[in-house]
N, C-alpha and C. Protein backbone atom coordinates (compact mmCIF):
# COMPACT_ATOMS: atom_id res chain seq x y z
N MET A 1 -19.25 -35.96 167.52
CA MET A 1 -18.53 -36.61 168.56
C MET A 1 -17.16 -36.15 168.78
N PRO A 2 -16.69 -35.82 169.89
CA PRO A 2 -15.38 -35.46 170.08
C PRO A 2 -14.47 -36.49 169.83
N LEU A 3 -13.28 -36.21 169.43
CA LEU A 3 -12.11 -37.08 168.96
C LEU A 3 -11.71 -38.09 170.07
N TRP A 4 -11.70 -37.54 171.39
CA TRP A 4 -11.27 -38.54 172.39
C TRP A 4 -12.46 -39.59 172.60
N GLN A 5 -13.70 -39.35 172.40
CA GLN A 5 -14.76 -40.39 172.62
C GLN A 5 -14.50 -41.52 171.63
N ILE A 6 -14.15 -40.82 170.25
CA ILE A 6 -13.93 -41.85 169.11
C ILE A 6 -12.70 -42.78 169.41
N ALA A 7 -11.71 -42.25 170.07
CA ALA A 7 -10.48 -42.95 170.43
C ALA A 7 -10.80 -43.92 171.38
N LEU A 8 -11.63 -43.42 172.48
CA LEU A 8 -11.91 -44.37 173.69
C LEU A 8 -12.82 -45.46 173.10
N MET A 9 -13.81 -45.27 172.13
CA MET A 9 -14.55 -46.36 171.65
C MET A 9 -13.74 -47.37 170.77
N GLY A 10 -12.76 -46.87 170.15
CA GLY A 10 -11.78 -47.71 169.24
C GLY A 10 -10.93 -48.58 170.23
N LEU A 11 -10.76 -47.99 171.42
CA LEU A 11 -9.84 -48.89 172.31
C LEU A 11 -10.77 -49.99 172.97
N VAL A 12 -11.96 -49.57 173.33
CA VAL A 12 -12.79 -50.64 173.86
C VAL A 12 -13.08 -51.72 172.85
N VAL A 13 -13.34 -51.36 171.55
CA VAL A 13 -13.59 -52.39 170.61
C VAL A 13 -12.25 -53.24 170.30
N ALA A 14 -11.07 -52.58 170.33
CA ALA A 14 -9.82 -53.41 170.27
C ALA A 14 -9.69 -54.36 171.42
N TRP A 15 -9.88 -53.85 172.63
CA TRP A 15 -9.74 -54.70 173.79
C TRP A 15 -10.73 -55.97 173.73
N GLY A 16 -11.95 -55.70 173.26
CA GLY A 16 -13.08 -56.71 173.09
C GLY A 16 -12.61 -57.66 172.02
N LEU A 17 -12.03 -57.20 170.99
CA LEU A 17 -11.61 -58.27 170.02
C LEU A 17 -10.41 -59.07 170.52
N GLN A 18 -9.58 -58.35 171.15
CA GLN A 18 -8.43 -59.10 171.74
C GLN A 18 -8.83 -60.30 172.95
N ALA A 19 -9.74 -59.84 173.72
CA ALA A 19 -10.29 -60.65 174.68
C ALA A 19 -11.04 -61.97 173.81
N LEU A 20 -11.74 -61.79 172.93
CA LEU A 20 -12.44 -62.76 172.25
C LEU A 20 -11.42 -63.61 171.49
N GLY A 21 -10.40 -63.02 170.84
CA GLY A 21 -9.31 -63.85 170.26
C GLY A 21 -8.54 -64.72 171.26
N THR A 22 -8.40 -64.23 172.41
CA THR A 22 -7.68 -65.01 173.53
C THR A 22 -8.49 -66.08 173.98
N TYR A 23 -9.80 -65.90 174.13
CA TYR A 23 -10.83 -66.97 174.46
C TYR A 23 -10.68 -68.11 173.30
N VAL A 24 -10.87 -67.75 172.17
CA VAL A 24 -10.76 -68.71 171.01
C VAL A 24 -9.54 -69.49 171.09
N GLN A 25 -8.38 -68.90 171.40
CA GLN A 25 -7.13 -69.66 171.34
C GLN A 25 -7.08 -70.48 172.60
N MET A 26 -7.54 -70.07 173.70
CA MET A 26 -7.51 -70.85 174.92
C MET A 26 -8.38 -72.15 174.72
N ARG A 27 -9.57 -72.02 174.04
CA ARG A 27 -10.42 -73.15 173.79
C ARG A 27 -9.55 -74.22 172.81
N HIS A 28 -8.79 -73.52 171.93
CA HIS A 28 -8.10 -74.37 170.97
C HIS A 28 -6.98 -75.22 171.71
N PHE A 29 -6.28 -74.41 172.60
CA PHE A 29 -5.30 -75.11 173.49
C PHE A 29 -5.93 -76.25 174.48
N SER A 30 -6.97 -75.92 175.06
CA SER A 30 -7.62 -76.89 175.89
C SER A 30 -8.24 -78.10 175.03
N ALA A 31 -8.76 -77.86 173.99
CA ALA A 31 -9.22 -79.00 173.03
C ALA A 31 -8.01 -79.86 172.54
N THR A 32 -6.98 -79.24 172.17
CA THR A 32 -5.75 -79.93 171.74
C THR A 32 -5.15 -80.82 172.88
N MET A 33 -5.18 -80.08 174.02
CA MET A 33 -4.49 -80.85 175.17
C MET A 33 -5.51 -81.88 175.66
N GLY A 34 -6.70 -81.94 175.52
CA GLY A 34 -7.72 -82.89 175.85
C GLY A 34 -7.67 -84.02 174.88
N ASP A 35 -7.49 -83.78 173.56
CA ASP A 35 -7.27 -84.83 172.53
C ASP A 35 -6.21 -85.71 172.75
N VAL A 36 -5.03 -85.08 173.03
CA VAL A 36 -3.78 -85.94 173.13
C VAL A 36 -3.77 -86.70 174.53
N SER A 37 -4.41 -86.07 175.44
CA SER A 37 -4.60 -86.78 176.77
C SER A 37 -5.40 -88.03 176.67
N ARG A 38 -6.52 -87.93 175.95
CA ARG A 38 -7.61 -89.11 175.72
C ARG A 38 -6.95 -90.10 174.68
N LEU A 39 -6.14 -89.58 173.75
CA LEU A 39 -5.52 -90.47 172.67
C LEU A 39 -4.56 -91.54 173.35
N TRP A 40 -3.80 -90.99 174.34
CA TRP A 40 -2.82 -91.92 174.94
C TRP A 40 -2.82 -91.78 176.44
N PRO A 41 -3.80 -92.38 177.15
CA PRO A 41 -3.80 -92.28 178.60
C PRO A 41 -2.94 -92.97 179.42
N ASP A 42 -1.96 -93.80 178.84
CA ASP A 42 -0.92 -94.47 179.48
C ASP A 42 0.36 -93.50 179.44
N GLY A 43 0.48 -92.58 178.87
CA GLY A 43 1.68 -91.78 178.77
C GLY A 43 1.70 -90.61 179.55
N PHE A 44 2.59 -89.72 179.14
CA PHE A 44 2.63 -88.43 179.94
C PHE A 44 2.59 -87.28 178.96
N VAL A 45 2.03 -86.14 179.39
CA VAL A 45 1.92 -84.89 178.59
C VAL A 45 2.67 -83.91 179.29
N GLY A 46 3.37 -83.17 178.47
CA GLY A 46 4.22 -82.04 179.02
C GLY A 46 3.94 -80.81 178.07
N ALA A 47 3.83 -79.64 178.79
CA ALA A 47 3.48 -78.55 178.01
C ALA A 47 4.74 -77.46 178.47
N GLY A 48 5.30 -76.87 177.43
CA GLY A 48 6.33 -75.87 177.76
C GLY A 48 6.09 -74.70 177.04
N ASN A 49 6.42 -73.57 177.46
CA ASN A 49 6.28 -72.39 176.74
C ASN A 49 7.35 -71.42 176.91
N ALA A 50 7.65 -70.60 175.96
CA ALA A 50 8.77 -69.63 176.00
C ALA A 50 8.38 -68.44 175.05
N ARG A 51 8.98 -67.30 175.64
CA ARG A 51 8.56 -65.99 174.88
C ARG A 51 9.99 -65.69 174.44
N SER A 52 9.97 -65.11 173.19
CA SER A 52 11.25 -64.52 172.74
C SER A 52 11.11 -63.09 172.69
N THR A 53 12.28 -62.35 172.88
CA THR A 53 12.15 -60.87 173.10
C THR A 53 11.64 -60.16 171.87
N PHE A 54 11.96 -60.59 170.72
CA PHE A 54 11.42 -59.94 169.47
C PHE A 54 10.83 -60.95 168.61
N GLY A 55 11.10 -62.31 168.69
CA GLY A 55 10.40 -63.23 167.89
C GLY A 55 9.12 -63.61 168.33
N ALA A 56 8.62 -64.77 167.80
CA ALA A 56 7.39 -65.31 168.19
C ALA A 56 7.49 -66.10 169.43
N GLY A 57 6.30 -66.18 170.21
CA GLY A 57 6.34 -67.01 171.35
C GLY A 57 6.09 -68.38 170.99
N VAL A 58 6.37 -69.50 171.81
CA VAL A 58 6.36 -70.91 171.39
C VAL A 58 5.65 -71.59 172.57
N ILE A 59 4.68 -72.50 172.13
CA ILE A 59 4.19 -73.35 173.09
C ILE A 59 4.33 -74.90 172.57
N LEU A 60 4.86 -75.61 173.40
CA LEU A 60 5.27 -76.95 172.78
C LEU A 60 4.53 -78.16 173.68
N LEU A 61 3.78 -79.01 173.18
CA LEU A 61 3.06 -80.06 173.70
C LEU A 61 3.88 -81.33 173.39
N LEU A 62 4.33 -82.12 174.32
CA LEU A 62 4.96 -83.39 174.18
C LEU A 62 4.12 -84.52 174.77
N VAL A 63 4.02 -85.62 174.09
CA VAL A 63 3.18 -86.92 174.42
C VAL A 63 4.23 -87.86 174.54
N VAL A 64 4.64 -88.41 175.71
CA VAL A 64 5.70 -89.39 175.83
C VAL A 64 5.04 -90.64 176.43
N SER A 65 5.64 -91.77 175.81
CA SER A 65 5.07 -93.10 176.44
C SER A 65 5.97 -93.39 177.66
N PRO A 66 5.49 -94.51 178.44
CA PRO A 66 6.31 -94.70 179.66
C PRO A 66 7.66 -94.99 179.38
N ASP A 67 7.99 -95.48 178.28
CA ASP A 67 9.47 -95.71 177.97
C ASP A 67 10.24 -94.53 177.48
N ARG A 68 9.65 -93.40 177.64
CA ARG A 68 10.21 -92.00 177.23
C ARG A 68 10.32 -92.01 175.89
N THR A 69 9.49 -92.56 174.88
CA THR A 69 9.50 -92.32 173.51
C THR A 69 8.37 -91.36 173.12
N VAL A 70 8.77 -90.32 172.30
CA VAL A 70 7.87 -89.27 171.93
C VAL A 70 6.91 -89.84 170.96
N ARG A 71 5.49 -89.81 171.44
CA ARG A 71 4.45 -90.25 170.62
C ARG A 71 3.84 -89.16 169.64
N ARG A 72 3.78 -88.03 170.28
CA ARG A 72 3.29 -86.90 169.49
C ARG A 72 3.98 -85.48 170.06
N ALA A 73 4.24 -84.77 169.11
CA ALA A 73 4.92 -83.34 169.30
C ALA A 73 4.09 -82.26 168.54
N LEU A 74 3.50 -81.30 169.22
CA LEU A 74 2.83 -80.29 168.77
C LEU A 74 3.44 -78.94 169.14
N ILE A 75 3.54 -78.01 168.23
CA ILE A 75 4.20 -76.78 168.40
C ILE A 75 3.30 -75.59 167.97
N MET A 76 3.06 -74.63 168.73
CA MET A 76 2.32 -73.40 168.42
C MET A 76 3.20 -72.10 168.57
N ARG A 77 3.44 -71.54 167.41
CA ARG A 77 4.48 -70.54 167.36
C ARG A 77 3.82 -69.41 166.68
N GLY A 78 3.94 -68.17 167.39
CA GLY A 78 3.24 -67.02 166.70
C GLY A 78 3.23 -65.86 167.63
N ARG A 79 2.85 -64.75 167.08
CA ARG A 79 2.65 -63.53 167.86
C ARG A 79 1.27 -63.08 168.10
N THR A 80 0.44 -63.64 167.48
CA THR A 80 -1.13 -63.30 167.45
C THR A 80 -1.91 -64.46 167.98
N VAL A 81 -3.15 -64.10 168.19
CA VAL A 81 -4.14 -65.19 168.71
C VAL A 81 -4.62 -66.05 167.55
N PHE A 82 -4.11 -66.09 166.38
CA PHE A 82 -4.38 -66.80 165.25
C PHE A 82 -3.43 -67.90 165.04
N ALA A 83 -2.45 -67.99 165.93
CA ALA A 83 -1.51 -69.19 165.84
C ALA A 83 -2.26 -70.38 166.34
N ARG A 84 -1.91 -71.57 165.65
CA ARG A 84 -2.52 -72.90 165.95
C ARG A 84 -1.37 -73.88 166.10
N PHE A 85 -1.60 -75.11 166.65
CA PHE A 85 -0.75 -76.13 166.88
C PHE A 85 -0.39 -76.78 165.42
N ALA A 86 0.88 -76.97 165.32
CA ALA A 86 1.27 -77.81 164.26
C ALA A 86 2.01 -79.13 164.68
N ARG A 87 2.09 -80.09 163.93
CA ARG A 87 2.50 -81.44 164.37
C ARG A 87 4.07 -81.33 164.05
N LEU A 88 4.96 -81.85 164.95
CA LEU A 88 6.36 -81.84 164.71
C LEU A 88 6.70 -83.43 164.36
N SER A 89 6.38 -83.94 163.33
CA SER A 89 6.39 -85.41 163.05
C SER A 89 7.95 -85.76 162.99
N THR A 90 8.93 -84.95 162.74
CA THR A 90 10.22 -85.36 162.59
C THR A 90 10.86 -85.89 164.01
N ILE A 91 10.25 -85.57 165.13
CA ILE A 91 10.89 -86.04 166.36
C ILE A 91 10.03 -87.11 166.87
N GLU A 92 8.95 -87.47 166.39
CA GLU A 92 8.00 -88.44 166.91
C GLU A 92 8.85 -89.86 166.77
N GLY A 93 8.78 -90.65 167.77
CA GLY A 93 9.49 -92.06 167.73
C GLY A 93 10.85 -91.87 168.29
N LYS A 94 11.26 -90.56 168.77
CA LYS A 94 12.74 -90.66 169.27
C LYS A 94 12.47 -90.47 170.82
N THR A 95 13.48 -90.72 171.45
CA THR A 95 13.46 -90.70 173.12
C THR A 95 13.59 -89.24 173.52
N LEU A 96 13.10 -89.07 174.79
CA LEU A 96 13.14 -87.72 175.35
C LEU A 96 14.50 -87.29 175.33
N ASP A 97 15.59 -88.05 175.68
CA ASP A 97 16.88 -87.67 175.74
C ASP A 97 17.69 -87.35 174.55
N ASP A 98 17.04 -87.78 173.36
CA ASP A 98 17.70 -87.43 172.04
C ASP A 98 17.16 -86.05 171.59
N LEU A 99 16.09 -85.42 172.16
CA LEU A 99 15.48 -84.20 171.54
C LEU A 99 16.39 -83.10 171.75
N PRO A 100 17.22 -82.87 172.79
CA PRO A 100 18.08 -81.53 172.61
C PRO A 100 19.09 -81.44 171.49
N GLU A 101 19.32 -82.54 170.94
CA GLU A 101 20.14 -82.47 169.72
C GLU A 101 19.59 -82.25 168.51
N GLU A 102 18.17 -82.27 168.35
CA GLU A 102 17.39 -82.06 167.22
C GLU A 102 17.43 -80.66 166.71
N PRO A 103 17.69 -80.56 165.33
CA PRO A 103 17.64 -79.26 164.88
C PRO A 103 16.40 -78.24 165.15
N ALA A 104 15.32 -78.91 165.35
CA ALA A 104 14.02 -78.06 165.57
C ALA A 104 14.20 -77.45 166.95
N PHE A 105 15.15 -77.75 167.84
CA PHE A 105 15.13 -77.14 169.09
C PHE A 105 16.36 -76.22 169.30
N ARG A 106 16.97 -75.89 168.12
CA ARG A 106 18.17 -75.06 168.30
C ARG A 106 18.01 -73.55 168.72
N ASP A 107 16.76 -73.11 168.36
CA ASP A 107 16.57 -71.69 168.62
C ASP A 107 16.18 -71.54 170.18
N LYS A 108 16.41 -70.41 170.69
CA LYS A 108 16.23 -70.19 172.13
C LYS A 108 14.74 -70.59 172.72
N ALA A 109 13.82 -69.91 171.95
CA ALA A 109 12.38 -70.13 172.37
C ALA A 109 11.94 -71.56 172.37
N THR A 110 12.28 -72.21 171.25
CA THR A 110 11.88 -73.64 171.09
C THR A 110 12.56 -74.48 172.13
N GLY A 111 13.77 -74.30 172.32
CA GLY A 111 14.54 -75.08 173.28
C GLY A 111 14.16 -74.92 174.58
N GLY A 112 13.87 -73.59 174.95
CA GLY A 112 13.30 -73.25 176.26
C GLY A 112 12.01 -74.00 176.56
N ALA A 113 11.12 -74.06 175.55
CA ALA A 113 9.93 -74.64 175.60
C ALA A 113 10.04 -76.23 175.78
N LEU A 114 11.01 -76.78 175.26
CA LEU A 114 11.30 -78.18 175.27
C LEU A 114 11.86 -78.50 176.65
N ILE A 115 12.55 -77.59 177.20
CA ILE A 115 13.10 -77.92 178.61
C ILE A 115 12.05 -77.94 179.59
N LYS A 116 11.13 -76.84 179.40
CA LYS A 116 9.89 -76.94 180.32
C LYS A 116 8.94 -78.16 180.24
N ALA A 117 8.72 -78.58 178.96
CA ALA A 117 7.93 -79.64 178.88
C ALA A 117 8.60 -80.96 179.43
N ALA A 118 9.88 -81.07 179.08
CA ALA A 118 10.47 -82.23 179.51
C ALA A 118 10.55 -82.30 181.00
N GLU A 119 10.78 -81.25 181.70
CA GLU A 119 10.76 -81.21 183.07
C GLU A 119 9.37 -81.56 183.79
N GLN A 120 8.33 -81.16 183.08
CA GLN A 120 7.06 -81.43 183.41
C GLN A 120 6.69 -82.93 183.38
N ILE A 121 7.27 -83.52 182.40
CA ILE A 121 7.07 -85.00 182.16
C ILE A 121 7.74 -85.73 183.13
N GLU A 122 9.02 -85.25 183.36
CA GLU A 122 9.87 -86.04 184.45
C GLU A 122 9.20 -85.97 185.88
N ARG A 123 8.58 -84.73 186.23
CA ARG A 123 7.80 -84.69 187.37
C ARG A 123 6.66 -85.55 187.57
N ALA A 124 5.94 -85.75 186.42
CA ALA A 124 4.85 -86.51 186.51
C ALA A 124 5.23 -87.98 186.53
N ALA A 125 6.34 -88.43 185.85
CA ALA A 125 6.80 -89.76 185.89
C ALA A 125 7.36 -90.09 187.31
N LEU A 126 7.93 -89.12 187.94
CA LEU A 126 8.40 -89.47 189.26
C LEU A 126 7.21 -89.62 190.21
N LYS A 127 6.25 -88.75 190.08
CA LYS A 127 5.02 -88.88 191.08
C LYS A 127 4.37 -90.24 190.76
N LEU A 128 4.23 -90.74 189.66
CA LEU A 128 3.63 -91.99 189.35
C LEU A 128 4.49 -93.04 190.03
N GLN A 129 5.76 -93.04 189.79
CA GLN A 129 6.68 -93.96 190.37
C GLN A 129 6.56 -94.05 191.75
N GLN A 130 6.49 -92.88 192.56
CA GLN A 130 6.26 -92.90 193.90
C GLN A 130 5.00 -93.46 194.47
N ARG A 131 3.88 -93.15 193.74
CA ARG A 131 2.57 -93.80 194.13
C ARG A 131 2.63 -95.33 193.94
N VAL A 132 3.27 -95.82 192.87
CA VAL A 132 3.39 -97.25 192.70
C VAL A 132 4.23 -97.72 193.72
N GLU A 133 5.31 -97.17 194.29
CA GLU A 133 6.10 -97.78 195.30
C GLU A 133 5.43 -97.72 196.54
N ALA A 134 4.65 -96.77 196.89
CA ALA A 134 3.77 -96.48 198.08
C ALA A 134 2.82 -97.50 198.17
N ALA A 135 2.03 -97.95 197.06
CA ALA A 135 1.10 -98.93 196.96
C ALA A 135 1.64 -100.38 197.35
N ALA A 136 2.82 -100.43 196.85
CA ALA A 136 3.37 -101.87 196.96
C ALA A 136 3.91 -102.16 198.33
């Protein structure tokens, strides 16, 4: 078998493995998002992501109560499809406004993910408030 055919087969196998890994990671993300949404249906869930130029990418899930207290914080940090969510219990119980000062959010990627998640939560809270006001 010529070398170019072996190289082509290697690329196809690598692409297939990458697609499978992405599928498994997306199922993990969806399951985690569904779990936190079912656990606290009265609050808000925000998901933020950020990519670092040379470092690991970050996905942050924040579950916030209606009074803006963090109920659950989960972070996925990594470069590969093997990354999984880990709990950030140090910020649970704090308010959304207190989070930017936390040491966990000092690096650029994690801070960027926090900003996106917080913005998403603020938009969801505003939509809910507008619906309540329209119904009254």
